[in-house]
């Protein structure tokens, strides 16, 4: 099937006078996850980050270290897999003319990756859609969140952006990232898998006026509730005419998510100022109402996960598959009336599958969980009042000493991040180094960041804040991040410990406070490697977990949880 699609794609090259075609993972809205996945159609690769370049004689797939193993399994037969970073200085496309869809790329991306040794030709029809067009359900309506949930009204948020425009002597901001539209207007939707994102765009003027660009049919509820006035809404097909009718001199566009297509339309009349949309930074700082709701959602999630861990460690059935396990966890989450759906596809990998960082078990070929293996389970939920993300590595027997030692080093890194003084170490890069220290002492490491930002009832992955080797963004009060060091032994096992944390300030101290409330696997700890400080932290953490979730557990679950203190 994949070979046939690749062949059909190459048959179009002559028509458009190109030597190759570039297929990114993102859709027209540049979201991490989307209902339309053209990259998977042409390559079978299902990871969240990647780009394929198909030439007349060769096929390349670029992705990052999280997907090294997965990409080989899914796409290795038809593509040469190359690390994403090597795309920067790539000579593979020298003197080639590469076709791209201008709705799927920014000018910044094209300049960065494809204009050094080759030419680019914009093609205003997507060649993958011509091979296989995906049918999607696009009927779900947008809905609004009231101030009791968000903690801030949309007028206040628009006012902040208006001040930003005035400060930068700009007339308009084009908000091209739909998650930013969602935050500004306090609206949500169902246009993206696992995230309540409304696919839409927004124009904000320096005078606080707005124009929402979205399908009118999907905005019925917003108009009815007077969240959006009818004259503030336009269909995407009328964008060009709208731009031509606006009065002003310049537009700020988001260099990360404003496509070539939209930039060219705005250029017809206005001077372009390329900056990062200020909304990213504004929404990264959660207000106290949002944090309170996130605390509540994590208690709910912690109950479900704790029940699951107890169940899977004590189940008498001999054959429990990875799919069975992830379905059971979903059942526990669904018992909460405020639970909506997973915040990403659950990762439940036993043994060697745990080493595939973003593994996805499928019914037809999943593994039976063996009692002498460890299980890596990474999951999360979207609740009506928050977003969760948590990883636990679970043991079913007395694991070998090597696994215990590595798990303990991962735990030491996790604790180091959880207890770090953010006054002294407030840069993502510095915190990331602390997490890797104990693994690095044994020449071990992991090919992903230590932590990512998390949205409030939005994206489970949110920037600009993160804990990684390259991130220099200051970690500020109110930010929510993950703390998830790990280690992955190819074809053997995977280990990861992940909690979500928020940045809290108390008098002169600024520190991480745990949101995640679920037990950490004590059967995998070599306590001889822990300091008294680390043992005390673990004790206090489990006390905290017990105090917050035990009342929602049955007697056996409660007794087991108490035994971990």
Protein backbone atom coordinates (compact mmCIF):
# COMPACT_ATOMS: atom_id res chain seq x y z
CA UNK A 1 0.00 0.00 0.00
CA UNK A 2 2.74 2.50 1.05
CA UNK A 3 4.90 1.63 -1.97
CA UNK A 4 1.96 2.20 -4.29
CA UNK A 5 1.21 5.62 -2.74
CA UNK A 6 4.85 6.65 -3.05
CA UNK A 7 4.83 5.57 -6.70
CA UNK A 8 1.63 7.53 -7.37
CA UNK A 9 3.18 10.60 -5.73
CA UNK A 10 6.32 10.36 -7.87
CA UNK A 11 4.14 10.13 -10.97
CA UNK A 12 3.00 13.72 -10.28
CA UNK A 13 6.54 15.17 -10.24
CA UNK A 14 6.70 15.69 -14.01
CA UNK A 15 3.44 17.65 -14.07
CA UNK A 16 4.74 20.16 -11.52
CA UNK A 17 8.37 20.08 -12.74
CA UNK A 18 9.78 19.05 -9.34
CA UNK A 19 12.48 16.62 -8.21
CA UNK A 20 10.86 15.82 -4.90
CA UNK A 21 8.04 16.59 -2.50
CA UNK A 22 8.09 17.47 1.21
CA UNK A 23 5.43 16.12 3.60
CA UNK A 24 5.40 17.45 7.18
CA UNK A 25 3.57 15.93 10.14
CA UNK A 26 1.55 19.09 10.84
CA UNK A 27 -1.69 20.12 9.20
CA UNK A 28 -2.74 23.64 8.15
CA UNK A 29 -3.06 24.70 11.79
CA UNK A 30 0.41 23.47 12.86
CA UNK A 31 -0.99 21.47 15.76
CA UNK A 32 1.05 18.57 17.16
CA UNK A 33 -1.81 16.14 16.71
CA UNK A 34 -4.38 16.45 13.95
CA UNK A 35 -7.20 14.44 12.42
CA UNK A 36 -5.44 14.77 9.06
CA UNK A 37 -2.10 12.91 9.02
CA UNK A 38 -0.56 13.10 5.56
CA UNK A 39 2.83 11.92 6.82
CA UNK A 40 1.34 8.64 8.02
CA UNK A 41 -0.50 8.16 4.71
CA UNK A 42 2.74 8.30 2.74
CA UNK A 43 5.16 6.69 5.24
CA UNK A 44 3.14 4.73 7.84
CA UNK A 45 5.01 6.74 10.52
CA UNK A 46 2.66 7.60 13.40
CA UNK A 47 4.96 9.69 15.62
CA UNK A 48 4.14 13.27 16.57
CA UNK A 49 7.24 14.86 14.98
CA UNK A 50 8.67 14.23 11.54
CA UNK A 51 8.97 15.25 7.91
CA UNK A 52 9.34 13.11 4.80
CA UNK A 53 11.23 14.14 1.68
CA UNK A 54 10.47 11.95 -1.31
CA UNK A 55 12.78 12.26 -4.31
CA UNK A 56 12.57 10.52 -7.66
CA UNK A 57 14.97 7.78 -6.59
CA UNK A 58 15.10 7.94 -2.77
CA UNK A 59 12.80 8.47 0.23
CA UNK A 60 13.88 10.11 3.49
CA UNK A 61 12.14 10.40 6.85
CA UNK A 62 13.49 12.89 9.40
CA UNK A 63 12.45 12.55 13.04
CA UNK A 64 13.92 13.03 16.51
CA UNK A 65 15.45 10.75 19.14
CA UNK A 66 12.09 9.87 20.70
CA UNK A 67 11.16 7.94 17.57
CA UNK A 68 14.44 6.30 16.54
CA UNK A 69 13.17 2.76 17.13
CA UNK A 70 9.53 3.41 16.22
CA UNK A 71 10.35 5.00 12.85
CA UNK A 72 12.54 2.04 11.87
CA UNK A 73 9.72 -0.38 12.69
CA UNK A 74 6.99 1.59 10.93
CA UNK A 75 8.84 3.13 7.98
CA UNK A 76 12.29 1.57 7.72
CA UNK A 77 11.38 -0.64 4.73
CA UNK A 78 10.57 2.29 2.47
CA UNK A 79 12.51 5.21 3.96
CA UNK A 80 16.01 6.05 5.10
CA UNK A 81 15.60 7.33 8.67
CA UNK A 82 17.70 10.37 9.58
CA UNK A 83 17.84 12.43 12.79
CA UNK A 84 15.82 15.62 12.45
CA UNK A 85 18.77 17.82 13.49
CA UNK A 86 20.71 16.73 10.39
CA UNK A 87 18.11 18.35 8.15
CA UNK A 88 19.77 21.72 8.89
CA UNK A 89 22.99 20.94 7.07
CA UNK A 90 21.62 18.42 4.62
CA UNK A 91 23.22 18.07 1.20
CA UNK A 92 20.87 15.31 0.08
CA UNK A 93 18.72 17.75 -1.88
CA UNK A 94 21.49 19.71 -3.57
CA UNK A 95 20.39 21.25 -6.86
CA UNK A 96 16.91 19.71 -6.44
CA UNK A 97 13.58 21.46 -6.89
CA UNK A 98 11.34 20.48 -3.96
CA UNK A 99 7.59 20.93 -4.06
CA UNK A 100 5.78 22.04 -0.90
CA UNK A 101 2.25 22.98 0.12
CA UNK A 102 2.43 26.65 1.23
CA UNK A 103 -0.35 26.08 3.77
CA UNK A 104 1.82 23.57 5.67
CA UNK A 105 5.05 25.55 6.01
CA UNK A 106 6.20 28.89 7.32
CA UNK A 107 8.79 30.97 5.48
CA UNK A 108 11.05 30.50 8.50
CA UNK A 109 10.95 26.71 8.11
CA UNK A 110 11.64 26.85 4.39
CA UNK A 111 14.62 29.19 4.85
CA UNK A 112 15.97 27.08 7.68
CA UNK A 113 15.74 23.66 6.07
CA UNK A 114 15.34 23.87 2.32
CA UNK A 115 16.91 26.91 0.68
CA UNK A 116 20.67 26.41 1.07
CA UNK A 117 21.41 23.98 -1.71
CA UNK A 118 18.12 23.69 -3.58
CA UNK A 119 15.02 25.47 -4.85
CA UNK A 120 11.49 25.31 -3.51
CA UNK A 121 8.32 25.39 -5.60
CA UNK A 122 5.01 26.26 -3.95
CA UNK A 123 2.18 24.02 -5.14
CA UNK A 124 -1.31 25.26 -4.23
CA UNK A 125 -2.81 21.82 -4.07
CA UNK A 126 -1.74 19.09 -1.69
CA UNK A 127 -0.32 16.14 -3.63
CA UNK A 128 -0.97 13.67 -0.80
CA UNK A 129 -4.67 14.61 -0.80
CA UNK A 130 -4.69 13.80 -4.50
CA UNK A 131 -3.51 10.26 -3.69
CA UNK A 132 -5.68 9.64 -0.62
CA UNK A 133 -7.96 12.27 0.87
CA UNK A 134 -8.87 11.67 4.50
CA UNK A 135 -12.48 12.01 5.55
CA UNK A 136 -12.94 13.69 8.91
CA UNK A 137 -15.89 14.56 11.10
CA UNK A 138 -15.99 18.35 11.20
CA UNK A 139 -19.42 18.91 12.72
CA UNK A 140 -18.56 19.50 16.40
CA UNK A 141 -19.47 22.96 17.64
CA UNK A 142 -17.17 25.33 19.52
CA UNK A 143 -18.09 26.00 23.15
CA UNK A 144 -17.16 28.60 25.76
CA UNK A 145 -15.70 28.40 29.26
CA UNK A 146 -16.91 30.82 31.93
CA UNK A 147 -14.66 32.87 34.19
CA UNK A 148 -15.15 30.47 37.13
CA UNK A 149 -13.13 27.94 35.10
CA UNK A 150 -10.59 30.19 33.37
CA UNK A 151 -10.05 32.76 36.09
CA UNK A 152 -9.84 35.61 33.54
CA UNK A 153 -12.31 36.95 31.02
CA UNK A 154 -11.48 37.24 27.32
CA UNK A 155 -11.75 41.05 27.38
CA UNK A 156 -8.89 41.16 29.87
CA UNK A 157 -6.74 38.91 27.66
CA UNK A 158 -7.53 40.97 24.54
CA UNK A 159 -6.58 44.10 26.52
CA UNK A 160 -3.12 42.63 27.25
CA UNK A 161 -2.59 41.90 23.56
CA UNK A 162 -3.80 45.38 22.62
CA UNK A 163 -1.16 46.86 24.94
CA UNK A 164 1.45 44.61 23.31
CA UNK A 165 0.45 45.91 19.86
CA UNK A 166 0.67 49.53 20.97
CA UNK A 167 4.06 48.92 22.54
CA UNK A 168 5.35 47.42 19.28
CA UNK A 169 3.66 50.12 17.15
CA UNK A 170 1.56 47.54 15.34
CA UNK A 171 -2.05 47.76 14.19
CA UNK A 172 -2.96 44.06 14.13
CA UNK A 173 -1.97 40.66 15.48
CA UNK A 174 -2.75 37.59 13.41
CA UNK A 175 -3.25 34.68 15.82
CA UNK A 176 -2.66 31.64 13.62
CA UNK A 177 -2.27 28.95 16.32
CA UNK A 178 -5.77 27.69 17.27
CA UNK A 179 -4.72 26.84 20.85
CA UNK A 180 -3.89 30.53 21.29
CA UNK A 181 -7.29 31.51 19.89
CA UNK A 182 -8.85 29.10 22.39
CA UNK A 183 -7.01 30.72 25.31
CA UNK A 184 -7.71 34.32 24.29
CA UNK A 185 -11.45 33.87 23.71
CA UNK A 186 -11.97 31.21 26.42
CA UNK A 187 -13.40 28.82 23.85
CA UNK A 188 -12.76 25.15 23.13
CA UNK A 189 -13.66 22.65 20.40
CA UNK A 190 -13.16 19.10 19.20
CA UNK A 191 -11.11 19.54 16.04
CA UNK A 192 -7.92 17.90 17.27
CA UNK A 193 -7.54 14.38 18.72
CA UNK A 194 -6.98 14.37 22.49
CA UNK A 195 -7.16 18.18 22.83
CA UNK A 196 -10.20 20.50 23.08
CA UNK A 197 -8.92 22.77 20.31
CA UNK A 198 -11.22 24.80 18.01
CA UNK A 199 -9.59 25.04 14.55
CA UNK A 200 -9.79 28.76 13.94
CA UNK A 201 -7.68 31.89 13.55
CA UNK A 202 -8.05 35.38 14.94
CA UNK A 203 -7.23 38.98 14.10
CA UNK A 204 -6.89 41.39 17.04
CA UNK A 205 -6.59 45.14 16.52
CA UNK A 206 -4.75 47.63 18.72
CA UNK A 207 -8.21 49.03 19.55
CA UNK A 208 -9.31 45.67 21.04
CA UNK A 209 -11.53 44.68 18.14
CA UNK A 210 -11.51 41.06 16.95
CA UNK A 211 -12.25 39.07 13.81
CA UNK A 212 -12.61 35.30 14.27
CA UNK A 213 -11.79 33.25 11.17
CA UNK A 214 -13.66 29.97 11.35
CA UNK A 215 -16.53 27.99 9.94
CA UNK A 216 -19.70 29.90 10.81
CA UNK A 217 -21.68 26.70 11.38
CA UNK A 218 -19.26 25.65 14.16
CA UNK A 219 -19.69 28.98 15.98
CA UNK A 220 -23.49 28.80 16.49
CA UNK A 221 -23.23 28.43 20.27
CA UNK A 222 -20.72 31.28 20.57
CA UNK A 223 -23.04 33.65 18.68
CA UNK A 224 -26.08 32.47 20.65
CA UNK A 225 -24.33 33.15 23.96
CA UNK A 226 -22.95 36.47 22.67
CA UNK A 227 -19.36 35.28 23.06
CA UNK A 228 -18.82 36.31 19.44
CA UNK A 229 -20.93 38.80 17.51
CA UNK A 230 -21.96 37.80 14.00
CA UNK A 231 -20.07 40.75 12.47
CA UNK A 232 -16.89 39.57 14.25
CA UNK A 233 -16.92 36.23 12.41
CA UNK A 234 -15.80 35.44 8.85
CA UNK A 235 -15.47 32.27 6.83
CA UNK A 236 -11.82 31.34 5.99
CA UNK A 237 -12.63 31.66 2.28
CA UNK A 238 -13.28 35.40 2.80
CA UNK A 239 -9.92 36.06 4.49
CA UNK A 240 -8.35 37.80 1.48
CA UNK A 241 -11.23 40.27 1.07
CA UNK A 242 -11.22 40.93 4.81
CA UNK A 243 -7.50 41.78 4.74
CA UNK A 244 -7.94 44.13 1.77
CA UNK A 245 -10.73 45.99 3.59
CA UNK A 246 -8.78 46.58 6.81
CA UNK A 247 -7.22 49.97 7.49
CA UNK A 248 -3.77 50.20 8.98
CA UNK A 249 -0.05 49.84 8.25
CA UNK A 250 1.34 46.67 9.76
CA UNK A 251 0.58 43.19 11.06
CA UNK A 252 2.39 41.13 13.65
CA UNK A 253 2.37 37.49 12.60
CA UNK A 254 3.55 34.45 14.52
CA UNK A 255 6.73 33.21 12.88
CA UNK A 256 6.09 29.69 14.24
CA UNK A 257 2.55 29.08 12.96
CA UNK A 258 1.68 31.60 10.26
CA UNK A 259 1.88 29.69 6.99
CA UNK A 260 3.34 31.00 3.76
CA UNK A 261 -0.20 31.01 2.36
CA UNK A 262 -1.54 33.43 5.00
CA UNK A 263 1.60 35.54 5.16
CA UNK A 264 1.39 36.15 1.40
CA UNK A 265 -2.26 37.24 1.70
CA UNK A 266 -1.44 39.71 4.49
CA UNK A 267 1.54 41.00 2.47
CA UNK A 268 -0.84 42.12 -0.27
CA UNK A 269 -1.61 45.23 1.76
CA UNK A 270 0.38 45.33 5.00
CA UNK A 271 3.92 45.46 6.24
CA UNK A 272 4.77 42.25 8.11
CA UNK A 273 6.39 42.23 11.56
CA UNK A 274 7.56 38.72 12.39
CA UNK A 275 7.55 37.93 16.10
CA UNK A 276 6.41 35.16 18.37
CA UNK A 277 2.73 35.48 19.22
CA UNK A 278 2.71 36.96 22.79
CA UNK A 279 -0.14 34.57 23.64
CA UNK A 280 2.34 31.71 24.10
CA UNK A 281 3.97 33.48 27.04
CA UNK A 282 0.72 34.84 28.44
CA UNK A 283 -1.00 31.44 28.59
CA UNK A 284 2.10 29.70 29.97
CA UNK A 285 1.56 31.58 33.26
CA UNK A 286 -1.45 29.97 34.91
CA UNK A 287 -3.59 32.01 37.29
CA UNK A 288 -4.61 30.66 40.67
CA UNK A 289 -8.05 29.57 39.43
CA UNK A 290 -6.45 27.46 36.69
CA UNK A 291 -3.94 25.96 39.13
CA UNK A 292 -6.71 25.11 41.62
CA UNK A 293 -8.62 23.31 38.87
CA UNK A 294 -5.45 21.49 37.78
CA UNK A 295 -4.89 20.32 41.37
CA UNK A 296 -8.45 18.98 41.40
CA UNK A 297 -8.03 17.20 38.05
CA UNK A 298 -4.82 15.52 39.21
CA UNK A 299 -6.46 14.19 42.36
CA UNK A 300 -9.16 12.65 40.16
CA UNK A 301 -6.50 11.27 37.83
CA UNK A 302 -4.38 10.01 40.70
CA UNK A 303 -7.31 7.99 42.03
CA UNK A 304 -7.78 6.30 38.64
CA UNK A 305 -4.07 5.57 38.19
CA UNK A 306 -3.65 4.25 41.74
CA UNK A 307 -6.61 1.91 41.30
CA UNK A 308 -5.08 0.74 38.03
CA UNK A 309 -1.63 0.10 39.53
CA UNK A 310 -3.16 -1.88 42.39
CA UNK A 311 -5.29 -3.87 39.94
CA UNK A 312 -2.49 -4.77 37.55
CA UNK A 313 -0.05 -5.70 40.32
CA UNK A 314 -2.59 -7.97 42.00
CA UNK A 315 -4.62 -9.41 39.11
CA UNK A 316 -4.58 -13.21 39.06
CA UNK A 317 -5.13 -13.62 35.32
CA UNK A 318 -2.12 -15.04 33.56
CA UNK A 319 -2.62 -13.26 30.23
CA UNK A 320 -2.99 -9.49 30.43
CA UNK A 321 -2.04 -7.75 27.19
CA UNK A 322 -0.79 -4.18 26.76
CA UNK A 323 -4.10 -3.24 25.11
CA UNK A 324 -6.08 -4.84 27.95
CA UNK A 325 -4.03 -2.80 30.42
CA UNK A 326 -4.54 0.54 28.69
CA UNK A 327 -8.27 -0.16 28.25
CA UNK A 328 -8.55 -0.96 31.96
CA UNK A 329 -6.85 2.32 32.88
CA UNK A 330 -9.30 4.13 30.63
CA UNK A 331 -12.19 2.40 32.45
CA UNK A 332 -10.91 3.68 35.79
CA UNK A 333 -10.69 7.23 34.42
CA UNK A 334 -14.19 7.05 32.95
CA UNK A 335 -15.65 6.46 36.42
CA UNK A 336 -15.08 10.18 37.07
CA UNK A 337 -18.02 12.21 35.70
CA UNK A 338 -15.71 15.10 34.76
CA UNK A 339 -13.40 12.95 32.63
CA UNK A 340 -13.71 13.50 28.87
CA UNK A 341 -11.02 11.56 26.98
CA UNK A 342 -7.26 10.80 26.97
CA UNK A 343 -4.92 13.79 26.58
CA UNK A 344 -2.80 11.61 24.22
CA UNK A 345 -2.75 7.99 23.12
CA UNK A 346 -1.80 5.86 26.12
CA UNK A 347 1.67 4.29 26.03
CA UNK A 348 1.64 0.85 27.68
CA UNK A 349 4.84 -0.96 26.76
CA UNK A 350 6.08 -4.12 28.44
CA UNK A 351 9.65 -5.41 28.21
CA UNK A 352 11.32 -4.35 24.94
CA UNK A 353 8.31 -2.22 23.93
CA UNK A 354 8.98 0.04 26.91
CA UNK A 355 12.17 1.12 25.14
CA UNK A 356 10.09 2.66 22.32
CA UNK A 357 9.59 6.11 23.84
CA UNK A 358 6.19 6.79 22.22
CA UNK A 359 5.06 3.19 21.75
CA UNK A 360 1.43 2.52 20.82
CA UNK A 361 0.04 -0.97 21.48
CA UNK A 362 -2.37 -2.36 18.89
CA UNK A 363 -4.82 -5.21 19.37
CA UNK A 364 -3.47 -7.24 16.48
CA UNK A 365 0.16 -7.38 17.60
CA UNK A 366 0.46 -6.29 21.23
CA UNK A 367 2.45 -8.19 23.82
CA UNK A 368 1.28 -10.18 26.81
CA UNK A 369 2.62 -8.56 30.00
CA UNK A 370 5.09 -10.99 31.54
CA UNK A 371 5.48 -10.98 35.31
CA UNK A 372 9.27 -10.87 35.07
CA UNK A 373 9.17 -7.77 32.83
CA UNK A 374 8.52 -4.18 33.80
CA UNK A 375 5.69 -2.14 32.30
CA UNK A 376 6.09 1.50 31.25
CA UNK A 377 2.71 3.23 31.31
CA UNK A 378 2.48 6.86 30.13
CA UNK A 379 -1.04 8.30 30.04
CA UNK A 380 -3.14 11.33 30.73
CA UNK A 381 -6.64 12.70 30.68
CA UNK A 382 -8.64 15.72 29.62
CA UNK A 383 -11.03 16.67 32.40
CA UNK A 384 -13.58 19.48 32.31
CA UNK A 385 -11.24 21.41 34.57
CA UNK A 386 -7.73 20.39 33.53
CA UNK A 387 -5.19 18.32 31.63
CA UNK A 388 -3.06 15.51 33.09
CA UNK A 389 0.03 13.56 32.01
CA UNK A 390 1.77 10.92 34.14
CA UNK A 391 4.18 8.02 33.65
CA UNK A 392 4.78 5.13 36.00
CA UNK A 393 7.10 2.17 35.56
CA UNK A 394 5.52 -0.87 37.20
CA UNK A 395 7.18 -4.03 38.49
CA UNK A 396 5.50 -7.40 39.07
CA UNK A 397 8.40 -9.40 40.49
CA UNK A 398 11.82 -8.98 42.00
CA UNK A 399 13.59 -7.28 39.07
CA UNK A 400 17.28 -7.78 38.45
CA UNK A 401 19.74 -5.49 40.18
CA UNK A 402 20.76 -3.66 37.01
CA UNK A 403 17.18 -2.52 36.32
CA UNK A 404 16.78 -1.49 39.97
CA UNK A 405 19.99 0.55 39.89
CA UNK A 406 19.00 2.35 36.69
CA UNK A 407 15.46 3.02 37.95
CA UNK A 408 16.94 4.47 41.13
CA UNK A 409 19.23 6.80 39.14
CA UNK A 410 16.22 7.96 37.13
CA UNK A 411 14.37 8.52 40.43
CA UNK A 412 17.30 10.50 41.83
CA UNK A 413 17.16 12.74 38.76
CA UNK A 414 13.39 13.10 39.17
CA UNK A 415 13.79 14.11 42.84
CA UNK A 416 16.61 16.51 41.95
CA UNK A 417 14.24 18.37 39.61
CA UNK A 418 11.29 18.21 42.02
CA UNK A 419 13.31 19.80 44.84
CA UNK A 420 15.42 22.27 42.87
CA UNK A 421 15.83 25.87 44.02
CA UNK A 422 14.32 27.84 41.14
CA UNK A 423 15.92 31.05 42.36
CA UNK A 424 19.32 29.60 41.56
CA UNK A 425 18.28 27.44 38.59
CA UNK A 426 15.45 29.08 36.64
CA UNK A 427 16.48 28.13 33.09
CA UNK A 428 15.14 24.94 31.46
CA UNK A 429 18.60 23.95 30.24
CA UNK A 430 20.12 24.05 33.75
CA UNK A 431 17.28 22.01 35.28
CA UNK A 432 17.54 19.41 32.53
CA UNK A 433 21.23 18.90 33.35
CA UNK A 434 20.35 18.20 37.00
CA UNK A 435 17.97 15.43 35.94
CA UNK A 436 20.61 13.66 33.82
CA UNK A 437 23.45 13.91 36.34
CA UNK A 438 23.09 10.50 37.99
CA UNK A 439 22.61 8.62 34.72
CA UNK A 440 25.50 10.49 33.12
CA UNK A 441 27.80 9.31 35.92
CA UNK A 442 27.29 5.79 34.51
CA UNK A 443 27.52 7.01 30.87
CA UNK A 444 23.76 6.66 30.45
CA UNK A 445 21.28 9.18 29.02
CA UNK A 446 17.89 9.59 27.33
CA UNK A 447 17.02 11.06 23.92
CA UNK A 448 14.21 13.40 24.97
CA UNK A 449 13.76 16.46 27.12
CA UNK A 450 13.25 16.21 30.86
CA UNK A 451 10.02 18.18 30.78
CA UNK A 452 7.50 19.98 28.60
CA UNK A 453 4.96 22.67 29.34
CA UNK A 454 1.32 21.67 29.80
CA UNK A 455 -1.76 23.68 28.93
CA UNK A 456 -4.88 24.28 31.01
CA UNK A 457 -7.59 22.12 29.45
CA UNK A 458 -5.65 22.43 26.19
CA UNK A 459 -2.50 20.92 24.71
CA UNK A 460 -0.71 18.32 26.79
CA UNK A 461 2.48 19.71 25.20
CA UNK A 462 2.76 23.48 25.48
CA UNK A 463 5.57 25.97 24.91
CA UNK A 464 7.61 28.03 25.29
CA UNK A 465 8.52 26.56 28.68
CA UNK A 466 10.35 23.23 28.79
CA UNK A 467 13.20 21.39 30.48
CA UNK A 468 15.64 20.39 27.76
CA UNK A 469 19.29 20.62 26.73
CA UNK A 470 18.63 23.70 24.59
CA UNK A 471 15.73 25.56 26.23
CA UNK A 472 16.71 28.94 27.74
CA UNK A 473 13.23 30.15 28.69
CA UNK A 474 13.02 31.33 32.30
CA UNK A 475 10.83 29.16 34.49
CA UNK A 476 8.33 31.51 36.14
CA UNK A 477 5.69 31.35 38.86
CA UNK A 478 2.47 29.79 37.55
CA UNK A 479 4.06 27.66 34.83
CA UNK A 480 3.14 23.98 34.62
CA UNK A 481 5.70 21.46 33.40
CA UNK A 482 6.37 17.75 33.38
CA UNK A 483 9.28 16.19 35.25
CA UNK A 484 10.08 12.98 33.37
CA UNK A 485 13.63 11.65 33.20
CA UNK A 486 13.98 8.12 31.85
CA UNK A 487 16.21 5.46 30.38
CA UNK A 488 15.63 3.09 27.45
CA UNK A 489 17.58 -0.06 26.70
CA UNK A 490 16.89 -1.07 23.10
CA UNK A 491 15.10 -4.43 22.79
CA UNK A 492 15.18 -4.82 26.59
CA UNK A 493 13.18 -2.34 28.71
CA UNK A 494 12.14 1.26 29.27
CA UNK A 495 12.01 3.34 32.45
CA UNK A 496 10.35 6.71 32.98
CA UNK A 497 9.00 8.52 36.05
CA UNK A 498 6.79 11.49 35.25
CA UNK A 499 4.92 13.93 37.44
CA UNK A 500 3.41 17.26 36.48
CA UNK A 501 4.53 20.17 38.63
CA UNK A 502 3.68 23.85 38.89
CA UNK A 503 5.89 26.73 39.91
CA UNK A 504 4.93 28.10 43.29
CA UNK A 505 6.20 31.09 45.22
CA UNK A 506 6.14 31.33 48.99
CA UNK A 507 7.76 34.40 50.50
CA UNK A 508 11.30 34.40 49.12
CA UNK A 509 11.22 30.84 47.85
CA UNK A 510 10.24 29.75 44.35
CA UNK A 511 9.94 26.01 43.77
CA UNK A 512 8.12 23.16 42.04
CA UNK A 513 4.98 21.79 43.67
CA UNK A 514 3.72 18.37 42.59
CA UNK A 515 0.38 18.17 40.82
CA UNK A 516 0.50 14.41 40.12
CA UNK A 517 -0.78 12.31 43.01
CA UNK A 518 0.05 8.66 42.33
CA UNK A 519 2.49 6.23 44.00
CA UNK A 520 5.99 5.64 42.63
CA UNK A 521 7.07 2.01 42.24
CA UNK A 522 9.06 1.18 45.41
CA UNK A 523 9.78 -2.40 44.30
CA UNK A 524 12.22 -1.03 41.73
CA UNK A 525 14.22 1.14 44.12
CA UNK A 526 17.69 0.27 45.38
CA UNK A 527 17.41 2.22 48.61
CA UNK A 528 21.15 1.92 49.21
CA UNK A 529 21.66 4.42 46.38
CA UNK A 530 19.33 7.01 47.90
CA UNK A 531 20.49 9.75 50.27
CA UNK A 532 18.58 10.46 53.48
CA UNK A 533 17.21 13.61 51.80
CA UNK A 534 15.87 11.57 48.86
CA UNK A 535 14.33 8.96 51.18
CA UNK A 536 12.66 11.74 53.15
CA UNK A 537 11.30 13.28 49.94
CA UNK A 538 9.85 9.93 48.83
CA UNK A 539 8.26 9.41 52.25
CA UNK A 540 6.68 12.88 52.26
CA UNK A 541 5.46 12.46 48.67
CA UNK A 542 3.65 9.20 49.47
CA UNK A 543 2.19 10.76 52.62
CA UNK A 544 0.85 13.56 50.45
CA UNK A 545 -0.58 11.08 47.90
CA UNK A 546 -2.26 9.08 50.65
CA UNK A 547 -3.77 12.12 52.35
CA UNK A 548 -5.32 13.41 49.10
CA UNK A 549 -6.64 10.27 47.41
CA UNK A 550 -7.11 7.54 50.05
CA UNK A 551 -10.72 8.53 50.80
CA UNK A 552 -11.63 7.61 47.23
CA UNK A 553 -10.14 4.09 47.45
CA UNK A 554 -11.64 0.85 48.69
CA UNK A 555 -10.22 -0.84 51.79
CA UNK A 556 -7.75 -3.12 49.96
CA UNK A 557 -6.45 -0.29 47.76
CA UNK A 558 -6.12 1.99 50.76
CA UNK A 559 -4.21 -0.64 52.76
CA UNK A 560 -1.84 -1.26 49.85
CA UNK A 561 -1.21 2.47 49.34
CA UNK A 562 -0.50 2.90 53.07
CA UNK A 563 2.12 0.14 52.84
CA UNK A 564 4.16 2.30 50.43
CA UNK A 565 4.69 5.06 52.99
